[in-house]
C-alpha atoms as a PDB file:
ATOM      1  CA  MET A   1     -20.072  -1.037   0.287  1.00  0.00           C
ATOM      2  CA  TRP A   2     -23.665  -2.201   0.074  1.00  0.00           C
ATOM      3  CA  ALA A   3     -26.346  -0.662   2.243  1.00  0.00           C
ATOM      4  CA  LYS A   4     -28.469  -2.585   4.741  1.00  0.00           C
ATOM      5  CA  LEU A   5     -32.248  -2.146   4.963  1.00  0.00           C
ATOM      6  CA  TYR A   6     -33.524  -0.829   8.279  1.00  0.00           C
ATOM      7  CA  ASP A   7     -37.237   0.167   8.645  1.00  0.00           C
ATOM      8  CA  ASN A   8     -37.719   3.013   6.159  1.00  0.00           C
ATOM      9  CA  PHE A   9     -34.004   3.651   5.892  1.00  0.00           C
ATOM     10  CA  LYS A  10     -30.885   2.136   4.411  1.00  0.00           C
ATOM     11  CA  ARG A  11     -27.918   1.886   6.733  1.00  0.00           C
ATOM     12  CA  ILE A  12     -24.749   2.858   4.878  1.00  0.00           C
ATOM     13  CA  ASP A  13     -21.205   2.596   6.210  1.00  0.00           C
ATOM     14  CA  LEU A  14     -19.454   5.874   5.412  1.00  0.00           C
ATOM     15  CA  ALA A  15     -15.824   6.911   5.817  1.00  0.00           C
ATOM     16  CA  CYS A  16     -14.731  10.534   5.881  1.00  0.00           C
ATOM     17  CA  PRO A  17     -12.500  11.006   2.812  1.00  0.00           C
ATOM     18  CA  LYS A  18     -10.417  13.626   4.628  1.00  0.00           C
ATOM     19  CA  CYS A  19      -9.501  11.837   7.875  1.00  0.00           C
ATOM     20  CA  GLY A  20     -10.799   8.252   7.575  1.00  0.00           C
ATOM     21  CA  SER A  21     -13.331   8.441  10.442  1.00  0.00           C
ATOM     22  CA  GLU A  22     -16.085   5.849   9.996  1.00  0.00           C
ATOM     23  CA  LYS A  23     -19.760   5.780  10.926  1.00  0.00           C
ATOM     24  CA  THR A  24     -22.949   4.011   9.870  1.00  0.00           C
ATOM     25  CA  VAL A  25     -25.673   6.481   8.848  1.00  0.00           C
ATOM     26  CA  LYS A  26     -29.338   6.025   7.970  1.00  0.00           C
ATOM     27  CA  VAL A  27     -30.554   7.305   4.595  1.00  0.00           C
ATOM     28  CA  PRO A  28     -34.322   7.531   3.830  1.00  0.00           C
ATOM     29  CA  LEU A  29     -35.486   4.905   1.323  1.00  0.00           C
ATOM     30  CA  GLU A  30     -37.462   7.520  -0.590  1.00  0.00           C
ATOM     31  CA  LEU A  31     -34.210   8.950  -1.939  1.00  0.00           C
ATOM     32  CA  PHE A  32     -33.654   5.727  -3.881  1.00  0.00           C
ATOM     33  CA  ASN A  33     -37.108   5.572  -5.476  1.00  0.00           C
ATOM     34  CA  GLY A  34     -37.416   6.063  -9.186  1.00  0.00           C
ATOM     35  CA  GLY A  35     -35.944   4.441 -12.253  1.00  0.00           C
ATOM     36  CA  GLY A  36     -32.776   5.013 -14.218  1.00  0.00           C
ATOM     37  CA  PHE A  37     -29.126   4.691 -13.346  1.00  0.00           C
ATOM     38  CA  GLY A  38     -28.745   8.129 -11.785  1.00  0.00           C
ATOM     39  CA  ILE A  39     -26.180   8.946  -9.116  1.00  0.00           C
ATOM     40  CA  ILE A  40     -27.564  10.121  -5.780  1.00  0.00           C
ATOM     41  CA  LYS A  41     -25.544  12.811  -4.013  1.00  0.00           C
ATOM     42  CA  ILE A  42     -26.004  13.274  -0.278  1.00  0.00           C
ATOM     43  CA  GLN A  43     -24.387  16.053   1.707  1.00  0.00           C
ATOM     44  CA  VAL A  44     -22.861  14.888   4.999  1.00  0.00           C
ATOM     45  CA  PRO A  45     -22.491  17.818   7.418  1.00  0.00           C
ATOM     46  CA  ILE A  46     -19.805  18.366  10.035  1.00  0.00           C
ATOM     47  CA  GLY A  47     -20.616  15.962  12.853  1.00  0.00           C
ATOM     48  CA  GLY A  48     -22.424  13.561  10.515  1.00  0.00           C
ATOM     49  CA  VAL A  49     -19.429  11.203  10.348  1.00  0.00           C
ATOM     50  CA  CYS A  50     -16.575  13.138  11.951  1.00  0.00           C
ATOM     51  CA  GLU A  51     -16.414  16.308  14.018  1.00  0.00           C
ATOM     52  CA  THR A  52     -14.240  18.257  11.579  1.00  0.00           C
ATOM     53  CA  HIS A  53     -15.228  17.693   7.947  1.00  0.00           C
ATOM     54  CA  ASN A  54     -18.246  17.859   5.668  1.00  0.00           C
ATOM     55  CA  PHE A  55     -18.428  16.129   2.287  1.00  0.00           C
ATOM     56  CA  MET A  56     -20.673  14.586  -0.366  1.00  0.00           C
ATOM     57  CA  VAL A  57     -21.215  10.856  -0.785  1.00  0.00           C
ATOM     58  CA  LEU A  58     -22.149   9.469  -4.209  1.00  0.00           C
ATOM     59  CA  LEU A  59     -24.517   6.470  -4.201  1.00  0.00           C
ATOM     60  CA  ASN A  60     -26.195   4.390  -6.864  1.00  0.00           C
ATOM     61  CA  LYS A  61     -29.880   3.422  -6.785  1.00  0.00           C
ATOM     62  CA  GLU A  62     -29.078   0.303  -4.728  1.00  0.00           C
ATOM     63  CA  GLY A  63     -27.274   2.331  -2.080  1.00  0.00           C
ATOM     64  CA  ALA A  64     -23.746   1.229  -3.005  1.00  0.00           C
ATOM     65  CA  ILE A  65     -21.077   3.892  -2.553  1.00  0.00           C
ATOM     66  CA  LEU A  66     -19.567   5.094  -5.829  1.00  0.00           C
ATOM     67  CA  GLY A  67     -17.295   7.710  -4.325  1.00  0.00           C
ATOM     68  CA  TYR A  68     -16.998  10.956  -2.395  1.00  0.00           C
ATOM     69  CA  GLU A  69     -16.579  14.639  -3.112  1.00  0.00           C
ATOM     70  CA  THR A  70     -15.305  17.320  -0.776  1.00  0.00           C
ATOM     71  CA  PHE A  71     -15.967  21.022  -0.835  1.00  0.00           C
ATOM     72  CA  ASP A  72     -12.201  21.582  -0.856  1.00  0.00           C
ATOM     73  CA  MET A  73     -12.101  19.659  -4.129  1.00  0.00           C
ATOM     74  CA  MET A  74     -14.822  21.862  -5.623  1.00  0.00           C
ATOM     75  CA  ALA A  75     -13.094  25.002  -4.351  1.00  0.00           C
ATOM     76  CA  SER A  76      -9.802  23.792  -5.832  1.00  0.00           C
ATOM     77  CA  LYS A  77     -11.364  23.480  -9.270  1.00  0.00           C
ATOM     78  CA  ALA A  78     -12.756  27.010  -8.953  1.00  0.00           C
ATOM     79  CA  SER A  79      -9.338  28.244  -7.838  1.00  0.00           C
ATOM     80  CA  GLU A  80      -7.663  26.639 -10.864  1.00  0.00           C
ATOM     81  CA  ALA A  81     -10.073  28.464 -13.143  1.00  0.00           C
ATOM     82  CA  LYS A  82      -9.313  31.726 -11.303  1.00  0.00           C
ATOM     83  CA  GLU A  83      -5.555  31.230 -11.685  1.00  0.00           C
ATOM     84  CA  ILE A  84      -5.918  30.892 -15.445  1.00  0.00           C
ATOM     85  CA  ALA A  85      -7.577  34.311 -15.530  1.00  0.00           C
ATOM     86  CA  GLU A  86      -4.906  35.981 -13.379  1.00  0.00           C
ATOM     87  CA  SER A  87      -1.919  37.798 -14.847  1.00  0.00           C
ATOM     88  CA  PRO A  88       1.629  36.334 -14.540  1.00  0.00           C
ATOM     89  CA  LYS A  89       2.449  39.197 -12.157  1.00  0.00           C
ATOM     90  CA  ASP A  90      -0.457  38.284  -9.851  1.00  0.00           C
ATOM     91  CA  LEU A  91       0.560  34.631  -9.910  1.00  0.00           C
ATOM     92  CA  LYS A  92       4.174  35.492  -9.037  1.00  0.00           C
ATOM     93  CA  LEU A  93       3.064  37.481  -5.987  1.00  0.00           C
ATOM     94  CA  GLN A  94       0.753  34.643  -4.933  1.00  0.00           C
ATOM     95  CA  GLU A  95       3.558  32.076  -5.204  1.00  0.00           C
ATOM     96  CA  GLN A  96       5.768  34.194  -2.936  1.00  0.00           C
ATOM     97  CA  LYS A  97       3.092  34.152  -0.212  1.00  0.00           C
ATOM     98  CA  GLU A  98       2.346  30.424  -0.326  1.00  0.00           C
ATOM     99  CA  PRO A  99       3.618  28.404   2.679  1.00  0.00           C
ATOM    100  CA  PRO A 100       5.609  25.174   2.220  1.00  0.00           C
ATOM    101  CA  LYS A 101       3.455  22.415   0.772  1.00  0.00           C
ATOM    102  CA  SER A 102       3.075  18.821   1.866  1.00  0.00           C
ATOM    103  CA  ILE A 103       3.422  16.358  -0.998  1.00  0.00           C
ATOM    104  CA  LEU A 104       1.909  13.672   1.240  1.00  0.00           C
ATOM    105  CA  GLN A 105      -1.115  15.881   1.953  1.00  0.00           C
ATOM    106  CA  SER A 106      -1.528  16.495  -1.775  1.00  0.00           C
ATOM    107  CA  TYR A 107      -1.907  12.748  -2.358  1.00  0.00           C
ATOM    108  CA  VAL A 108      -4.482  12.538   0.442  1.00  0.00           C
ATOM    109  CA  ASN A 109      -6.329  15.478  -1.112  1.00  0.00           C
ATOM    110  CA  THR A 110      -6.291  13.775  -4.504  1.00  0.00           C
ATOM    111  CA  TYR A 111      -7.263  10.219  -3.558  1.00  0.00           C
ATOM    112  CA  GLY A 112      -8.678  10.415  -0.026  1.00  0.00           C
ATOM    113  CA  PHE A 113      -7.320   9.427   3.390  1.00  0.00           C
ATOM    114  CA  ASN A 114      -8.500   5.801   3.424  1.00  0.00           C
ATOM    115  CA  CYS A 115      -7.311   5.205  -0.135  1.00  0.00           C
ATOM    116  CA  ILE A 116      -3.796   6.363   0.780  1.00  0.00           C
ATOM    117  CA  VAL A 117      -3.826   4.281   3.980  1.00  0.00           C
ATOM    118  CA  GLY A 118      -4.783   1.184   1.988  1.00  0.00           C
ATOM    119  CA  TYR A 119      -2.240   2.012  -0.705  1.00  0.00           C
ATOM    120  CA  LEU A 120       0.467   2.254   1.972  1.00  0.00           C
ATOM    121  CA  HIS A 121      -0.617  -1.107   3.405  1.00  0.00           C
ATOM    122  CA  SER A 122      -0.541  -2.715  -0.047  1.00  0.00           C
ATOM    123  CA  LYS A 123       3.031  -1.446  -0.487  1.00  0.00           C
ATOM    124  CA  LEU A 124       4.206  -2.677   2.906  1.00  0.00           C
ATOM    125  CA  PHE A 125       2.493  -6.052   2.657  1.00  0.00           C
ATOM    126  CA  ASP A 126       3.082  -6.715  -1.059  1.00  0.00           C
ATOM    127  CA  TYR A 127      -0.464  -6.678  -2.476  1.00  0.00           C
ATOM    128  CA  PRO A 128      -1.318  -5.771  -6.076  1.00  0.00           C
ATOM    129  CA  ALA A 129      -3.235  -2.489  -6.360  1.00  0.00           C
ATOM    130  CA  TYR A 130      -5.512  -0.951  -8.991  1.00  0.00           C
ATOM    131  CA  LEU A 131      -7.146   2.406  -9.662  1.00  0.00           C
ATOM    132  CA  ILE A 132     -10.407   2.195 -11.630  1.00  0.00           C
ATOM    133  CA  CYS A 133     -11.450   5.203 -13.694  1.00  0.00           C
ATOM    134  CA  ARG A 134     -13.343   6.143 -16.830  1.00  0.00           C
ATOM    135  CA  ASP A 135     -11.305   5.881 -20.010  1.00  0.00           C
ATOM    136  CA  GLU A 136     -11.409   9.640 -20.736  1.00  0.00           C
ATOM    137  CA  ILE A 137      -9.712  10.549 -17.439  1.00  0.00           C
ATOM    138  CA  ASP A 138      -5.987  11.256 -17.746  1.00  0.00           C
ATOM    139  CA  ILE A 139      -4.175  10.066 -14.593  1.00  0.00           C
ATOM    140  CA  SER A 140      -0.513   9.297 -14.003  1.00  0.00           C
ATOM    141  CA  LEU A 141       0.599   7.374 -10.919  1.00  0.00           C
ATOM    142  CA  ASP A 142       4.351   7.556 -11.620  1.00  0.00           C
ATOM    143  CA  ASP A 143       5.188  10.237  -9.047  1.00  0.00           C
ATOM    144  CA  MET A 144       3.106   8.622  -6.309  1.00  0.00           C
ATOM    145  CA  GLU A 145       4.672   5.226  -6.989  1.00  0.00           C
ATOM    146  CA  LYS A 146       8.150   6.735  -6.788  1.00  0.00           C
ATOM    147  CA  ASP A 147       7.437   8.625  -3.552  1.00  0.00           C
ATOM    148  CA  PHE A 148       5.839   5.675  -1.746  1.00  0.00           C
ATOM    149  CA  ASN A 149       8.418   3.160  -2.932  1.00  0.00           C
ATOM    150  CA  ALA A 150      11.054   5.369  -1.338  1.00  0.00           C
ATOM    151  CA  LEU A 151       9.301   4.893   2.021  1.00  0.00           C
ATOM    152  CA  ILE A 152       9.731   1.123   1.972  1.00  0.00           C
ATOM    153  CA  PRO A 153      13.113  -0.331   3.076  1.00  0.00           C
ATOM    154  CA  GLN A 154      14.993  -1.730   0.088  1.00  0.00           C
ATOM    155  CA  GLU A 155      14.722  -5.338   1.254  1.00  0.00           C
ATOM    156  CA  TYR A 156      10.905  -5.132   1.262  1.00  0.00           C
ATOM    157  CA  ARG A 157      10.264  -3.127  -1.866  1.00  0.00           C
ATOM    158  CA  ASN A 158       8.031  -5.208  -4.081  1.00  0.00           C
ATOM    159  CA  SER A 159       7.465  -5.537  -7.789  1.00  0.00           C
ATOM    160  CA  HIS A 160       3.805  -4.554  -7.564  1.00  0.00           C
ATOM    161  CA  VAL A 161       2.941  -1.105  -8.887  1.00  0.00           C
ATOM    162  CA  MET A 162      -0.543   0.380  -8.809  1.00  0.00           C
ATOM    163  CA  GLU A 163      -2.074  -0.150 -12.242  1.00  0.00           C
ATOM    164  CA  ILE A 164      -4.947   1.714 -13.878  1.00  0.00           C
ATOM    165  CA  ILE A 165      -8.085  -0.081 -15.057  1.00  0.00           C
ATOM    166  CA  THR A 166     -10.295   1.976 -17.385  1.00  0.00           C
ATOM    167  CA  TYR A 167     -13.875   1.489 -18.489  1.00  0.00           C
ATOM    168  CA  ASP A 168     -16.130   3.083 -21.103  1.00  0.00           C
ATOM    169  CA  PRO A 169     -19.111   4.783 -19.370  1.00  0.00           C
ATOM    170  CA  GLU A 170     -21.211   4.261 -22.501  1.00  0.00           C
ATOM    171  CA  ILE A 171     -20.689   0.504 -22.261  1.00  0.00           C
ATOM    172  CA  TYR A 172     -20.941   0.499 -18.462  1.00  0.00           C
ATOM    173  CA  PRO A 173     -23.424   3.288 -17.562  1.00  0.00           C
ATOM    174  CA  ARG A 174     -23.633   1.806 -14.058  1.00  0.00           C
ATOM    175  CA  PRO A 175     -20.108   2.112 -12.604  1.00  0.00           C
ATOM    176  CA  GLY A 176     -21.069  -0.027  -9.620  1.00  0.00           C
ATOM    177  CA  TYR A 177     -21.548  -2.971 -11.983  1.00  0.00           C
ATOM    178  CA  PHE A 178     -18.045  -2.529 -13.409  1.00  0.00           C
ATOM    179  CA  PHE A 179     -16.639  -2.230  -9.876  1.00  0.00           C
ATOM    180  CA  ALA A 180     -18.246  -5.587  -9.023  1.00  0.00           C
ATOM    181  CA  LEU A 181     -16.663  -7.184 -12.106  1.00  0.00           C
ATOM    182  CA  ALA A 182     -13.260  -5.827 -11.110  1.00  0.00           C
ATOM    183  CA  LYS A 183     -13.637  -7.113  -7.537  1.00  0.00           C
ATOM    184  CA  ASN A 184     -14.371 -10.607  -8.836  1.00  0.00           C
ATOM    185  CA  LYS A 185     -11.459 -10.570 -11.271  1.00  0.00           C
ATOM    186  CA  TYR A 186      -8.882  -8.992  -8.939  1.00  0.00           C
ATOM    187  CA  ASN A 187     -10.050 -10.453  -5.656  1.00  0.00           C
ATOM    188  CA  ASP A 188      -6.491 -10.539  -4.261  1.00  0.00           C
ATOM    189  CA  ALA A 189      -5.881  -6.824  -4.925  1.00  0.00           C
ATOM    190  CA  PHE A 190      -6.477  -3.451  -3.313  1.00  0.00           C
ATOM    191  CA  ILE A 191      -8.824  -1.409  -5.555  1.00  0.00           C
ATOM    192  CA  ILE A 192      -9.814   2.270  -5.426  1.00  0.00           C
ATOM    193  CA  ASN A 193     -11.437   4.842  -7.709  1.00  0.00           C
ATOM    194  CA  PRO A 194     -10.636   8.553  -8.225  1.00  0.00           C
ATOM    195  CA  ASN A 195     -13.653   9.561  -6.110  1.00  0.00           C
ATOM    196  CA  TRP A 196     -11.891   8.876  -2.810  1.00  0.00           C
ATOM    197  CA  HIS A 197     -13.511   5.457  -2.428  1.00  0.00           C
ATOM    198  CA  VAL A 198     -11.966   2.091  -1.517  1.00  0.00           C
ATOM    199  CA  ILE A 199     -13.739  -0.465  -3.693  1.00  0.00           C
ATOM    200  CA  HIS A 200     -12.049  -3.619  -2.388  1.00  0.00           C
ATOM    201  CA  VAL A 201      -9.478  -4.752   0.174  1.00  0.00           C
ATOM    202  CA  PRO A 202      -7.961  -8.261   0.014  1.00  0.00           C
ATOM    203  CA  TRP A 203      -6.908  -8.373   3.676  1.00  0.00           C
ATOM    204  CA  LYS A 204      -8.992  -9.087   6.758  1.00  0.00           C
ATOM    205  CA  ILE A 205      -6.601  -7.630   9.320  1.00  0.00           C
ATOM    206  CA  ASN A 206      -7.186  -4.289  11.041  1.00  0.00           C
ATOM    207  CA  ILE A 207      -4.949  -1.542   9.583  1.00  0.00           C
ATOM    208  CA  ASN A 208      -5.585   1.151  12.184  1.00  0.00           C
ATOM    209  CA  TYR A 209      -1.839   1.317  12.838  1.00  0.00           C
ATOM    210  CA  GLU A 210      -1.249   2.636   9.305  1.00  0.00           C
ATOM    211  CA  LYS A 211      -4.072   5.140   9.848  1.00  0.00           C
ATOM    212  CA  VAL A 212      -2.328   6.416  12.969  1.00  0.00           C
ATOM    213  CA  MET A 213       1.023   6.612  11.150  1.00  0.00           C
ATOM    214  CA  LEU A 214      -0.460   8.659   8.306  1.00  0.00           C
ATOM    215  CA  LYS A 215      -2.484  10.902  10.630  1.00  0.00           C
ATOM    216  CA  ASN A 216       0.525  11.638  12.848  1.00  0.00           C
ATOM    217  CA  ALA A 217       2.761  12.345   9.856  1.00  0.00           C
ATOM    218  CA  LEU A 218       0.237  14.826   8.433  1.00  0.00           C
ATOM    219  CA  GLU A 219      -0.025  16.599  11.792  1.00  0.00           C
ATOM    220  CA  TRP A 220       3.725  17.269  11.885  1.00  0.00           C
ATOM    221  CA  ASN A 221       4.319  21.034  11.918  1.00  0.00           C
ATOM    222  CA  GLU A 222       6.707  20.993   8.960  1.00  0.00           C
ATOM    223  CA  PRO A 223       4.566  20.184   5.875  1.00  0.00           C
ATOM    224  CA  GLN A 224       7.584  19.740   3.606  1.00  0.00           C
ATOM    225  CA  ASN A 225       8.798  16.927   5.910  1.00  0.00           C
ATOM    226  CA  HIS A 226       5.571  14.910   6.170  1.00  0.00           C
ATOM    227  CA  PHE A 227       6.997  12.135   3.978  1.00  0.00           C
ATOM    228  CA  ARG A 228      10.154  12.018   6.072  1.00  0.00           C
ATOM    229  CA  LYS A 229       8.073  11.690   9.230  1.00  0.00           C
ATOM    230  CA  LEU A 230       6.035   8.855   7.717  1.00  0.00           C
ATOM    231  CA  SER A 231       9.299   7.166   6.734  1.00  0.00           C
ATOM    232  CA  GLU A 232      10.457   7.338  10.365  1.00  0.00           C
ATOM    233  CA  PHE A 233       7.251   5.643  11.549  1.00  0.00           C
ATOM    234  CA  ILE A 234       7.724   2.883   8.981  1.00  0.00           C
ATOM    235  CA  GLU A 235      11.351   2.391  10.037  1.00  0.00           C
ATOM    236  CA  ARG A 236      10.161   2.009  13.652  1.00  0.00           C
ATOM    237  CA  PHE A 237       7.577  -0.563  12.543  1.00  0.00           C
ATOM    238  CA  ILE A 238      10.185  -2.557  10.606  1.00  0.00           C
ATOM    239  CA  ALA A 239      12.553  -2.410  13.600  1.00  0.00           C
ATOM    240  CA  ASP A 240       9.804  -3.844  15.821  1.00  0.00           C
ATOM    241  CA  ILE A 241       9.239  -6.619  13.276  1.00  0.00           C
ATOM    242  CA  LYS A 242      12.924  -7.535  13.341  1.00  0.00           C
ATOM    243  CA  THR A 243      12.893  -7.542  17.140  1.00  0.00           C
ATOM    244  CA  THR A 244       9.883  -9.865  17.126  1.00  0.00           C
ATOM    245  CA  VAL A 245      11.475 -12.216  14.589  1.00  0.00           C
ATOM    246  CA  SER A 246      14.703 -12.328  16.585  1.00  0.00           C
ATOM    247  CA  PHE A 247      12.785 -13.516  19.661  1.00  0.00           C
ATOM    248  CA  LEU A 248      10.616 -15.994  17.741  1.00  0.00           C
ATOM    249  CA  GLU A 249      13.668 -17.665  16.196  1.00  0.00           C
ATOM    250  CA  LYS A 250      14.711 -18.747  19.712  1.00  0.00           C
ATOM    251  CA  VAL A 251      11.430 -20.398  20.745  1.00  0.00           C
ATOM    252  CA  LYS A 252       9.109 -23.131  19.519  1.00  0.00           C
ATOM    253  CA  LYS A 253       5.831 -21.473  20.483  1.00  0.00           C
ATOM    254  CA  VAL A 254       4.719 -18.458  22.513  1.00  0.00           C
ATOM    255  CA  LYS A 255       1.284 -17.222  23.521  1.00  0.00           C
ATOM    256  CA  GLU A 256       0.278 -13.874  22.101  1.00  0.00           C
ATOM    257  CA  LYS A 257      -0.318 -12.315  25.523  1.00  0.00           C
ATOM    258  CA  ASP A 258       3.040 -13.518  26.845  1.00  0.00           C
ATOM    259  CA  LEU A 259       4.852 -12.226  23.770  1.00  0.00           C
ATOM    260  CA  ILE A 260       3.273  -8.772  24.158  1.00  0.00           C
ATOM    261  CA  ASN A 261       4.505  -8.593  27.758  1.00  0.00           C
ATOM    262  CA  ILE A 262       8.008  -9.748  26.825  1.00  0.00           C
ATOM    263  CA  LEU A 263       8.362  -7.317  23.913  1.00  0.00           C
ATOM    264  CA  ASN A 264       7.093  -4.350  25.938  1.00  0.00           C
ATOM    265  CA  LYS A 265       9.511  -5.159  28.756  1.00  0.00           C
ATOM    266  CA  GLU A 266      12.520  -5.493  26.476  1.00  0.00           C
ATOM    267  CA  ASN A 267      11.637  -2.572  24.173  1.00  0.00           C
ATOM    268  CA  PRO A 268      10.549   0.452  26.231  1.00  0.00           C
ATOM    269  CA  LEU A 269      10.667   2.760  23.178  1.00  0.00           C
ATOM    270  CA  SER A 270       7.894   0.788  21.430  1.00  0.00           C
ATOM    271  CA  THR A 271       4.352  -0.085  22.427  1.00  0.00           C
ATOM    272  CA  PHE A 272       3.116  -3.569  21.623  1.00  0.00           C
ATOM    273  CA  ASN A 273      -0.557  -4.485  21.917  1.00  0.00           C
ATOM    274  CA  LYS A 274      -2.779  -7.155  20.390  1.00  0.00           C
ATOM    275  CA  SER A 275      -3.717  -5.281  17.210  1.00  0.00           C
ATOM    276  CA  ARG A 276      -0.138  -4.202  16.526  1.00  0.00           C
ATOM    277  CA  LEU A 277       1.286  -7.654  17.197  1.00  0.00           C
ATOM    278  CA  ARG A 278      -1.236  -9.195  14.812  1.00  0.00           C
ATOM    279  CA  LEU A 279      -0.177  -6.722  12.153  1.00  0.00           C
ATOM    280  CA  ILE A 280       3.446  -7.688  12.783  1.00  0.00           C
ATOM    281  CA  ARG A 281       2.485 -11.370  12.647  1.00  0.00           C
ATOM    282  CA  GLU A 282       0.765 -10.796   9.298  1.00  0.00           C
ATOM    283  CA  PHE A 283       3.848  -9.024   7.935  1.00  0.00           C
ATOM    284  CA  ILE A 284       6.128 -11.852   9.062  1.00  0.00           C
ATOM    285  CA  SER A 285       3.828 -14.429   7.482  1.00  0.00           C
ATOM    286  CA  LYS A 286       3.539 -12.590   4.169  1.00  0.00           C
ATOM    287  CA  ARG A 287       6.947 -10.979   3.746  1.00  0.00           C
ATOM    288  CA  ILE A 288       9.353 -13.213   5.700  1.00  0.00           C
ATOM    289  CA  THR A 289       8.131 -16.759   6.426  1.00  0.00           C
ATOM    290  CA  PRO A 290       4.816 -18.257   7.604  1.00  0.00           C
ATOM    291  CA  GLU A 291       6.692 -20.772   9.771  1.00  0.00           C
ATOM    292  CA  ILE A 292       8.030 -18.077  12.108  1.00  0.00           C
ATOM    293  CA  ALA A 293       4.666 -16.283  12.236  1.00  0.00           C
ATOM    294  CA  ALA A 294       2.962 -19.555  13.218  1.00  0.00           C
ATOM    295  CA  LYS A 295       5.008 -19.647  16.433  1.00  0.00           C
ATOM    296  CA  ILE A 296       2.697 -16.966  17.852  1.00  0.00           C
ATOM    297  CA  VAL A 297      -0.253 -18.772  19.429  1.00  0.00           C
ATOM    298  CA  ILE A 298      -3.409 -16.670  19.188  1.00  0.00           C
END
């Protein structure tokens, strides 16, 4: 995202890569002075964007975000190096002490919270998706594709799989320029990079509901069942969509406010509000039929 000039600062919209919290921060212009294509790294302390996490943001000379780094990520690399030096006996004892792991959390740790939220939305709403990385980076998305496809009910599983776009850093020494080219070419797609950064979203609708689903699933006290919990939230969402469609098929038009009241009255186990209904309306329009979605008068 591009920065905005403000007095002697640039205002930059940041998102915590660990939990998705967002905040606009001011960065002194003097940090961007000087020539070259260098990457500027700025440490964001706890409380800078969210109350729990600290991280690094990577910017280019124009103030565009190139990605994020977390101290967990750096520690993980150091830990991997340590494990190589340990004996098989030490590793076996360590494995016995390790608690159950969350596969869902591992994907968030690898790609970032907002990237996984957007990836989930692209799966649910049938958008193409791309991961941009340098050509020397070896990444496989097969396992993630398999795990997230299993979350989507069979009738809504789509043919889109996240594809990898690579670039040569010698040809494109300024990655932000290549990102801009990709955004223009794949304007209808969700695009991320391996540095926990969402480069482009094709939708205009608020996806806070998916953020809440992912956050609640990760907070479940059984890490090995985080994916199962997320699947339950998605099943509830799909059930609410079917309930909404069933009502809309019986009417010609209905005002958004009236529909919210009706759905809440008839479905006490769900909570319908304006943002959630608009997400449901978008799903109906994109995955079922625009004619039914158009019956909701906004």
